[in-house]
Amino acid sequence: MKNLRTALTAACLLAFAPTASAQQVEAQKLLYDRLGGLKGITVVVDDFINRLVSNKTLNKNPAINAGRKSAPAPYLKFQVSQLVCEVSGGPCKYTGKTMKESHAHLNISEKEWDVMAKDFKKSLDKHKVPAVEQKELFDIVGKTKADIVVRK
């Protein structure tokens, strides 16, 4: 009788225990996995870098325009994909320069940062990256702003 009561109590507890929703389970996955792994990251980064290198507002900055020659699009795509992979919890190891080192000479303004952010959002939207993951990415990118923007 005691074993039956214990079994019934356990069954009741399990039956009424809160279950994790699909959203909760998804949110517990690494950002890297929720972005589609390296495949998803490289597709978005490819689109994003294409937008940046052709952006007329950014290219009006002579330092950025000159930087296009020393860091061509394929190289940027590799570096940015590697960085996003690492910071999102993936297996990659970013081997590039720090954000401060790689951007200091580009004389990037607040306005140019905003232009970049809008292009990043367009790429994320185009590839249907969900809002939660977009926010996480923008939170990560936002932490680099002080190292990248050098003029108001």
C-alpha atoms as a PDB file:
ATOM      1  CA  MET A   1       0.000   0.000   0.000  1.00  0.00           C
ATOM      2  CA  LYS A   2       2.848   2.381   0.870  1.00  0.00           C
ATOM      3  CA  ASN A   3       4.502   1.721  -2.545  1.00  0.00           C
ATOM      4  CA  LEU A   4       1.198   2.322  -4.324  1.00  0.00           C
ATOM      5  CA  ARG A   5       0.715   5.647  -2.500  1.00  0.00           C
ATOM      6  CA  THR A   6       4.286   6.681  -3.374  1.00  0.00           C
ATOM      7  CA  ALA A   7       3.775   5.761  -7.010  1.00  0.00           C
ATOM      8  CA  LEU A   8       0.484   7.675  -7.187  1.00  0.00           C
ATOM      9  CA  THR A   9       2.047  10.730  -5.552  1.00  0.00           C
ATOM     10  CA  ALA A  10       4.940  10.649  -8.018  1.00  0.00           C
ATOM     11  CA  ALA A  11       2.528  10.218 -10.945  1.00  0.00           C
ATOM     12  CA  CYS A  12       0.452  13.208  -9.777  1.00  0.00           C
ATOM     13  CA  LEU A  13       3.516  15.377  -9.354  1.00  0.00           C
ATOM     14  CA  LEU A  14       4.745  14.495 -12.826  1.00  0.00           C
ATOM     15  CA  ALA A  15       1.319  15.037 -14.355  1.00  0.00           C
ATOM     16  CA  PHE A  16       0.969  18.507 -12.896  1.00  0.00           C
ATOM     17  CA  ALA A  17       4.603  19.579 -13.150  1.00  0.00           C
ATOM     18  CA  PRO A  18       5.078  22.508 -15.494  1.00  0.00           C
ATOM     19  CA  THR A  19       6.358  21.426 -18.866  1.00  0.00           C
ATOM     20  CA  ALA A  20       8.797  23.445 -20.904  1.00  0.00           C
ATOM     21  CA  SER A  21       7.247  25.054 -23.940  1.00  0.00           C
ATOM     22  CA  ALA A  22       8.854  24.725 -27.332  1.00  0.00           C
ATOM     23  CA  GLN A  23       9.865  28.399 -27.020  1.00  0.00           C
ATOM     24  CA  GLN A  24      11.642  27.784 -23.724  1.00  0.00           C
ATOM     25  CA  VAL A  25      13.508  24.805 -25.136  1.00  0.00           C
ATOM     26  CA  GLU A  26      14.486  26.811 -28.228  1.00  0.00           C
ATOM     27  CA  ALA A  27      15.707  29.739 -26.091  1.00  0.00           C
ATOM     28  CA  GLN A  28      17.953  27.357 -24.163  1.00  0.00           C
ATOM     29  CA  LYS A  29      19.822  26.390 -27.338  1.00  0.00           C
ATOM     30  CA  LEU A  30      22.999  28.284 -28.099  1.00  0.00           C
ATOM     31  CA  LEU A  31      22.524  31.411 -30.197  1.00  0.00           C
ATOM     32  CA  TYR A  32      24.877  29.757 -32.711  1.00  0.00           C
ATOM     33  CA  ASP A  33      22.424  26.874 -33.174  1.00  0.00           C
ATOM     34  CA  ARG A  34      19.389  29.176 -33.320  1.00  0.00           C
ATOM     35  CA  LEU A  35      21.109  31.130 -36.109  1.00  0.00           C
ATOM     36  CA  GLY A  36      21.447  27.947 -38.141  1.00  0.00           C
ATOM     37  CA  GLY A  37      25.063  27.242 -37.275  1.00  0.00           C
ATOM     38  CA  LEU A  38      27.883  28.283 -39.571  1.00  0.00           C
ATOM     39  CA  LYS A  39      25.685  27.912 -42.650  1.00  0.00           C
ATOM     40  CA  GLY A  40      23.088  30.380 -41.351  1.00  0.00           C
ATOM     41  CA  ILE A  41      25.727  32.781 -40.090  1.00  0.00           C
ATOM     42  CA  THR A  42      27.700  32.851 -43.346  1.00  0.00           C
ATOM     43  CA  VAL A  43      24.571  33.449 -45.426  1.00  0.00           C
ATOM     44  CA  VAL A  44      23.611  36.495 -43.337  1.00  0.00           C
ATOM     45  CA  VAL A  45      27.194  37.790 -43.137  1.00  0.00           C
ATOM     46  CA  ASP A  46      27.607  37.460 -46.917  1.00  0.00           C
ATOM     47  CA  ASP A  47      24.518  39.601 -47.482  1.00  0.00           C
ATOM     48  CA  PHE A  48      25.541  42.085 -44.777  1.00  0.00           C
ATOM     49  CA  ILE A  49      29.074  42.633 -46.098  1.00  0.00           C
ATOM     50  CA  ASN A  50      27.716  43.051 -49.639  1.00  0.00           C
ATOM     51  CA  ARG A  51      25.490  45.824 -48.300  1.00  0.00           C
ATOM     52  CA  LEU A  52      28.358  47.497 -46.423  1.00  0.00           C
ATOM     53  CA  VAL A  53      30.866  47.541 -49.259  1.00  0.00           C
ATOM     54  CA  SER A  54      28.330  49.073 -51.634  1.00  0.00           C
ATOM     55  CA  ASN A  55      26.880  51.576 -49.172  1.00  0.00           C
ATOM     56  CA  LYS A  56      27.369  55.067 -50.592  1.00  0.00           C
ATOM     57  CA  THR A  57      27.090  56.799 -47.207  1.00  0.00           C
ATOM     58  CA  LEU A  58      29.865  54.657 -45.731  1.00  0.00           C
ATOM     59  CA  ASN A  59      32.039  54.972 -48.820  1.00  0.00           C
ATOM     60  CA  LYS A  60      31.929  58.782 -48.574  1.00  0.00           C
ATOM     61  CA  ASN A  61      34.265  58.366 -45.603  1.00  0.00           C
ATOM     62  CA  PRO A  62      37.705  58.313 -47.318  1.00  0.00           C
ATOM     63  CA  ALA A  63      39.177  56.086 -44.609  1.00  0.00           C
ATOM     64  CA  ILE A  64      36.445  53.467 -44.992  1.00  0.00           C
ATOM     65  CA  ASN A  65      36.696  53.624 -48.769  1.00  0.00           C
ATOM     66  CA  ALA A  66      40.468  53.103 -48.584  1.00  0.00           C
ATOM     67  CA  GLY A  67      39.932  50.283 -46.109  1.00  0.00           C
ATOM     68  CA  ARG A  68      37.987  48.389 -48.762  1.00  0.00           C
ATOM     69  CA  LYS A  69      41.254  47.900 -50.620  1.00  0.00           C
ATOM     70  CA  SER A  70      43.228  46.588 -47.658  1.00  0.00           C
ATOM     71  CA  ALA A  71      40.374  44.390 -46.410  1.00  0.00           C
ATOM     72  CA  PRO A  72      38.413  43.158 -49.449  1.00  0.00           C
ATOM     73  CA  ALA A  73      34.898  41.740 -49.083  1.00  0.00           C
ATOM     74  CA  PRO A  74      35.842  38.024 -49.070  1.00  0.00           C
ATOM     75  CA  TYR A  75      38.299  38.638 -46.226  1.00  0.00           C
ATOM     76  CA  LEU A  76      35.707  40.646 -44.264  1.00  0.00           C
ATOM     77  CA  LYS A  77      33.114  37.925 -44.785  1.00  0.00           C
ATOM     78  CA  PHE A  78      35.495  35.328 -43.392  1.00  0.00           C
ATOM     79  CA  GLN A  79      36.500  37.441 -40.378  1.00  0.00           C
ATOM     80  CA  VAL A  80      32.970  38.518 -39.494  1.00  0.00           C
ATOM     81  CA  SER A  81      31.595  34.981 -39.896  1.00  0.00           C
ATOM     82  CA  GLN A  82      34.338  33.642 -37.667  1.00  0.00           C
ATOM     83  CA  LEU A  83      33.630  36.330 -35.061  1.00  0.00           C
ATOM     84  CA  VAL A  84      29.844  35.822 -35.059  1.00  0.00           C
ATOM     85  CA  CYS A  85      30.351  32.065 -34.855  1.00  0.00           C
ATOM     86  CA  GLU A  86      32.543  32.435 -31.766  1.00  0.00           C
ATOM     87  CA  VAL A  87      30.511  35.060 -29.901  1.00  0.00           C
ATOM     88  CA  SER A  88      27.278  33.131 -30.498  1.00  0.00           C
ATOM     89  CA  GLY A  89      28.673  30.008 -28.843  1.00  0.00           C
ATOM     90  CA  GLY A  90      29.841  28.155 -31.939  1.00  0.00           C
ATOM     91  CA  PRO A  91      33.031  26.171 -32.418  1.00  0.00           C
ATOM     92  CA  CYS A  92      34.939  28.867 -34.317  1.00  0.00           C
ATOM     93  CA  LYS A  93      37.882  30.791 -32.920  1.00  0.00           C
ATOM     94  CA  TYR A  94      38.140  34.400 -34.100  1.00  0.00           C
ATOM     95  CA  THR A  95      41.742  35.072 -35.104  1.00  0.00           C
ATOM     96  CA  GLY A  96      41.452  38.640 -36.339  1.00  0.00           C
ATOM     97  CA  LYS A  97      42.460  41.902 -34.737  1.00  0.00           C
ATOM     98  CA  THR A  98      40.515  43.465 -31.890  1.00  0.00           C
ATOM     99  CA  MET A  99      37.627  45.728 -32.878  1.00  0.00           C
ATOM    100  CA  LYS A 100      39.637  48.740 -31.755  1.00  0.00           C
ATOM    101  CA  GLU A 101      42.691  47.727 -33.818  1.00  0.00           C
ATOM    102  CA  SER A 102      40.721  46.900 -36.936  1.00  0.00           C
ATOM    103  CA  HIS A 103      38.567  50.041 -36.908  1.00  0.00           C
ATOM    104  CA  ALA A 104      40.654  52.831 -35.317  1.00  0.00           C
ATOM    105  CA  HIS A 105      42.049  54.076 -38.625  1.00  0.00           C
ATOM    106  CA  LEU A 106      38.592  54.173 -40.269  1.00  0.00           C
ATOM    107  CA  ASN A 107      37.433  57.315 -38.420  1.00  0.00           C
ATOM    108  CA  ILE A 108      33.904  55.929 -38.017  1.00  0.00           C
ATOM    109  CA  SER A 109      31.194  58.350 -36.900  1.00  0.00           C
ATOM    110  CA  GLU A 110      28.020  57.775 -34.914  1.00  0.00           C
ATOM    111  CA  LYS A 111      26.012  58.290 -38.124  1.00  0.00           C
ATOM    112  CA  GLU A 112      28.090  55.665 -39.943  1.00  0.00           C
ATOM    113  CA  TRP A 113      27.553  53.239 -37.042  1.00  0.00           C
ATOM    114  CA  ASP A 114      23.792  53.776 -37.410  1.00  0.00           C
ATOM    115  CA  VAL A 115      24.000  53.153 -41.162  1.00  0.00           C
ATOM    116  CA  MET A 116      25.859  49.904 -40.487  1.00  0.00           C
ATOM    117  CA  ALA A 117      23.249  48.855 -37.909  1.00  0.00           C
ATOM    118  CA  LYS A 118      20.417  49.500 -40.375  1.00  0.00           C
ATOM    119  CA  ASP A 119      22.161  47.400 -43.031  1.00  0.00           C
ATOM    120  CA  PHE A 120      22.718  44.623 -40.478  1.00  0.00           C
ATOM    121  CA  LYS A 121      19.004  44.709 -39.596  1.00  0.00           C
ATOM    122  CA  LYS A 122      18.064  44.529 -43.295  1.00  0.00           C
ATOM    123  CA  SER A 123      20.224  41.437 -43.734  1.00  0.00           C
ATOM    124  CA  LEU A 124      18.785  39.792 -40.626  1.00  0.00           C
ATOM    125  CA  ASP A 125      15.240  40.558 -41.765  1.00  0.00           C
ATOM    126  CA  LYS A 126      15.897  39.346 -45.310  1.00  0.00           C
ATOM    127  CA  HIS A 127      17.048  35.990 -43.958  1.00  0.00           C
ATOM    128  CA  LYS A 128      14.184  35.821 -41.438  1.00  0.00           C
ATOM    129  CA  VAL A 129      16.306  35.827 -38.296  1.00  0.00           C
ATOM    130  CA  PRO A 130      13.746  35.934 -35.440  1.00  0.00           C
ATOM    131  CA  ALA A 131      13.442  39.037 -33.234  1.00  0.00           C
ATOM    132  CA  VAL A 132      14.860  37.326 -30.117  1.00  0.00           C
ATOM    133  CA  GLU A 133      18.035  36.305 -31.946  1.00  0.00           C
ATOM    134  CA  GLN A 134      18.306  39.739 -33.583  1.00  0.00           C
ATOM    135  CA  LYS A 135      18.176  41.367 -30.161  1.00  0.00           C
ATOM    136  CA  GLU A 136      20.885  39.042 -28.843  1.00  0.00           C
ATOM    137  CA  LEU A 137      23.094  39.842 -31.836  1.00  0.00           C
ATOM    138  CA  PHE A 138      22.546  43.594 -31.477  1.00  0.00           C
ATOM    139  CA  ASP A 139      23.366  43.337 -27.764  1.00  0.00           C
ATOM    140  CA  ILE A 140      26.656  41.625 -28.658  1.00  0.00           C
ATOM    141  CA  VAL A 141      27.458  44.091 -31.455  1.00  0.00           C
ATOM    142  CA  GLY A 142      26.532  47.022 -29.215  1.00  0.00           C
ATOM    143  CA  LYS A 143      29.315  46.094 -26.815  1.00  0.00           C
ATOM    144  CA  THR A 144      31.854  46.828 -29.569  1.00  0.00           C
ATOM    145  CA  LYS A 145      30.569  50.325 -30.363  1.00  0.00           C
ATOM    146  CA  ALA A 146      32.946  52.153 -28.024  1.00  0.00           C
ATOM    147  CA  ASP A 147      35.894  50.474 -29.774  1.00  0.00           C
ATOM    148  CA  ILE A 148      34.633  51.302 -33.277  1.00  0.00           C
ATOM    149  CA  VAL A 149      33.027  54.766 -33.192  1.00  0.00           C
ATOM    150  CA  VAL A 150      35.665  57.465 -32.830  1.00  0.00           C
ATOM    151  CA  ARG A 151      33.719  60.626 -33.712  1.00  0.00           C
ATOM    152  CA  LYS A 152      30.261  61.907 -32.861  1.00  0.00           C
END
